[in-house]
Amino acid sequence: MRVFIYPGSFDPLTNGHLDIIRRASHLCDRLVVAVMVNSEKKPAFSVKDRLIMIRDVLAGESADIDVLSYEGLLVNLYREQNASAVVRGLRSESDFRFEAELAAANKLMLPTYETCLLPCRIDLAFTSASIVREVASYGGDVSNMVPSAIVDRVMNRLRRGNGESTLLKASEVSEP
């Protein structure tokens, strides 16, 4: 059985992530979507919230996709799941360099480790979870960036306001 792991923070899940999940699921017998826990990061959504959102989005998808959270080295999860490969999405050439370095480091720790790099669809190349968080925080429309099943949750969690501007007359601005 070919088991692939698609690791990420998924904070939140984007349409780009969903595209990689769907495409990768056709390349293996079982796909494990792993919400990786990094104690150094301050995520916008809890691990539990991310797991729930991903499971809700994938509710109508194939039964051969599992969603779990994991804290630790990816190579350890790879061993535990008896994986054949890790799937990673590429948006740009800088993603390729980062992913190639990460794959090489993981291969040094576990010689059987393999990576499958999937380029994202061109229309999703500039969408990232950090852009979604920024746009949503100002009340912008993220409906084309995240799956429809989670748009409201993303907006409700991240919306700060629509921004403010302050208009000062030149006479009100003092020089430092």
Protein backbone atom coordinates (compact mmCIF):
# COMPACT_ATOMS: atom_id res chain seq x y z
CA MET A 1 0.00 0.00 0.00
CA ARG A 2 1.39 3.39 -1.01
CA VAL A 3 0.92 5.93 1.77
CA PHE A 4 1.74 9.57 1.11
CA ILE A 5 1.90 12.27 3.76
CA TYR A 6 0.97 15.87 3.01
CA PRO A 7 2.33 17.90 5.95
CA GLY A 8 1.70 21.55 6.66
CA SER A 9 0.42 24.05 9.16
CA PHE A 10 -2.79 24.65 7.15
CA ASP A 11 -3.42 27.88 9.09
CA PRO A 12 -5.96 28.03 7.41
CA LEU A 13 -6.45 25.47 4.65
CA THR A 14 -6.39 27.22 1.26
CA ASN A 15 -7.71 26.25 -2.16
CA GLY A 16 -4.09 25.58 -3.10
CA HIS A 17 -3.79 23.07 -0.27
CA LEU A 18 -7.06 21.46 -1.32
CA ASP A 19 -5.86 21.17 -4.92
CA ILE A 20 -2.67 19.39 -3.78
CA ILE A 21 -4.71 17.08 -1.50
CA ARG A 22 -7.02 16.09 -4.35
CA ARG A 23 -4.24 15.52 -6.84
CA ALA A 24 -1.99 13.65 -4.40
CA SER A 25 -4.84 11.38 -3.32
CA HIS A 26 -4.93 9.97 -6.86
CA LEU A 27 -1.23 9.08 -6.73
CA CYS A 28 -1.38 6.84 -3.67
CA ASP A 29 -3.57 4.32 -1.91
CA ARG A 30 -3.89 6.43 1.23
CA LEU A 31 -3.11 10.08 1.84
CA VAL A 32 -2.38 11.38 5.33
CA VAL A 33 -2.94 15.13 5.71
CA ALA A 34 -0.79 16.01 8.72
CA VAL A 35 -1.32 19.25 10.59
CA MET A 36 2.18 19.77 11.90
CA VAL A 37 2.50 21.42 15.30
CA ASN A 38 5.32 23.92 15.67
CA SER A 39 5.56 25.35 19.19
CA GLU A 40 7.68 28.23 17.85
CA LYS A 41 4.79 29.59 15.78
CA LYS A 42 1.69 31.45 16.94
CA PRO A 43 -1.06 30.08 14.69
CA ALA A 44 -4.31 31.94 14.06
CA PHE A 45 -6.29 28.72 14.51
CA SER A 46 -5.84 26.02 17.14
CA VAL A 47 -4.77 22.56 16.01
CA LYS A 48 -8.26 21.30 16.83
CA ASP A 49 -9.87 24.04 14.71
CA ARG A 50 -7.56 23.28 11.79
CA LEU A 51 -8.33 19.56 12.01
CA ILE A 52 -12.08 20.24 12.11
CA MET A 53 -11.93 22.63 9.14
CA ILE A 54 -9.90 20.20 7.04
CA ARG A 55 -12.21 17.30 7.89
CA ASP A 56 -15.26 19.42 7.05
CA VAL A 57 -13.78 20.41 3.69
CA LEU A 58 -12.85 16.81 2.90
CA ALA A 59 -16.18 15.33 4.04
CA GLY A 60 -17.28 14.62 0.47
CA GLU A 61 -13.89 13.43 -0.74
CA SER A 62 -12.47 9.95 -1.02
CA ALA A 63 -12.39 7.74 2.07
CA ASP A 64 -8.67 7.12 1.57
CA ILE A 65 -7.69 10.50 3.06
CA ASP A 66 -6.90 10.67 6.78
CA VAL A 67 -6.36 13.88 8.76
CA LEU A 68 -4.25 13.99 11.89
CA SER A 69 -2.02 16.31 13.88
CA TYR A 70 1.61 15.62 14.67
CA GLU A 71 4.24 17.28 16.81
CA GLY A 72 7.76 16.15 16.09
CA LEU A 73 10.06 15.34 13.22
CA LEU A 74 8.40 14.56 9.92
CA VAL A 75 10.71 11.57 9.44
CA ASN A 76 9.26 10.02 12.60
CA LEU A 77 5.72 10.42 11.29
CA TYR A 78 6.93 8.97 7.99
CA ARG A 79 8.17 5.87 9.82
CA GLU A 80 5.02 5.58 11.97
CA GLN A 81 2.74 5.74 8.94
CA ASN A 82 4.97 3.42 6.88
CA ALA A 83 4.89 6.12 4.19
CA SER A 84 6.16 5.83 0.65
CA ALA A 85 6.58 9.58 0.10
CA VAL A 86 5.88 13.05 1.40
CA VAL A 87 3.93 15.35 -0.89
CA ARG A 88 4.71 19.05 -1.03
CA GLY A 89 3.17 21.77 -3.19
CA LEU A 90 5.32 24.25 -5.08
CA ARG A 91 4.18 27.78 -5.89
CA SER A 92 7.48 29.24 -7.05
CA GLU A 93 11.17 28.59 -7.59
CA SER A 94 11.89 29.76 -4.03
CA ASP A 95 9.53 27.03 -2.77
CA PHE A 96 11.52 24.52 -4.82
CA ARG A 97 14.81 25.52 -3.21
CA PHE A 98 13.35 25.35 0.31
CA GLU A 99 11.64 22.00 -0.33
CA ALA A 100 14.75 20.51 -1.96
CA GLU A 101 16.85 21.47 1.09
CA LEU A 102 14.23 20.05 3.46
CA ALA A 103 13.99 16.81 1.46
CA ALA A 104 17.77 16.43 1.49
CA ALA A 105 17.94 16.96 5.25
CA ASN A 106 15.16 14.44 5.85
CA LYS A 107 16.84 11.94 3.53
CA LEU A 108 20.03 12.22 5.62
CA MET A 109 18.02 11.28 8.71
CA LEU A 110 16.05 8.53 6.97
CA PRO A 111 17.56 7.08 3.77
CA THR A 112 14.20 5.62 2.64
CA TYR A 113 12.54 9.07 2.77
CA GLU A 114 11.12 10.24 -0.57
CA THR A 115 9.51 13.51 -1.60
CA CYS A 116 6.99 14.15 -4.35
CA LEU A 117 6.86 17.82 -5.38
CA LEU A 118 3.66 18.94 -7.11
CA PRO A 119 3.52 22.33 -8.80
CA CYS A 120 0.36 24.21 -7.92
CA ARG A 121 -2.18 25.37 -10.44
CA ILE A 122 -1.15 28.69 -11.95
CA ASP A 123 -4.32 30.42 -10.71
CA LEU A 124 -3.37 29.47 -7.13
CA ALA A 125 0.34 30.31 -7.35
CA PHE A 126 0.09 33.48 -5.30
CA THR A 127 -2.30 32.30 -2.62
CA SER A 128 -0.82 31.41 0.74
CA ALA A 129 -2.25 31.00 4.23
CA SER A 130 -0.41 34.15 5.33
CA ILE A 131 -2.05 36.16 2.52
CA VAL A 132 -5.45 34.71 3.48
CA ARG A 133 -4.87 35.75 7.11
CA GLU A 134 -3.86 39.27 6.08
CA VAL A 135 -6.77 39.80 3.67
CA ALA A 136 -9.33 38.33 6.08
CA SER A 137 -7.99 40.39 8.99
CA TYR A 138 -9.08 43.55 7.14
CA GLY A 139 -12.42 42.11 6.09
CA GLY A 140 -11.35 41.39 2.52
CA ASP A 141 -12.97 38.73 0.39
CA VAL A 142 -11.18 35.38 0.72
CA SER A 143 -13.90 33.30 -0.96
CA ASN A 144 -11.60 32.54 -3.91
CA MET A 145 -8.71 31.65 -1.60
CA VAL A 146 -10.22 29.13 0.83
CA PRO A 147 -12.76 26.33 0.36
CA SER A 148 -16.36 27.56 0.59
CA ALA A 149 -17.07 25.27 3.56
CA ILE A 150 -14.75 27.33 5.78
CA VAL A 151 -14.97 30.90 4.43
CA ASP A 152 -17.26 32.10 7.24
CA ARG A 153 -15.13 30.49 9.96
CA VAL A 154 -11.98 32.04 8.55
CA MET A 155 -13.59 35.47 8.29
CA ASN A 156 -15.15 35.30 11.76
CA ARG A 157 -11.87 34.33 13.38
CA LEU A 158 -9.57 36.70 11.55
CA ARG A 159 -11.57 39.86 10.88
CA ARG A 160 -10.19 42.85 12.78
CA GLY A 161 -11.98 45.58 10.95
CA ASN A 162 -11.95 47.33 7.66
CA GLY A 163 -8.98 49.51 8.49
CA GLU A 164 -8.84 53.13 9.39
CA SER A 165 -7.23 56.13 7.85
CA THR A 166 -6.38 59.37 9.48
CA LEU A 167 -6.43 62.54 7.45
CA LEU A 168 -4.25 65.29 8.83
CA LYS A 169 -3.85 68.75 7.43
CA ALA A 170 -0.29 69.76 6.67
CA SER A 171 -0.41 72.21 9.58
CA GLU A 172 -1.22 69.33 11.97
CA VAL A 173 1.88 67.32 11.07
CA SER A 174 4.94 68.27 13.04
CA GLU A 175 8.40 67.62 11.77
CA PRO A 176 10.51 65.31 13.96
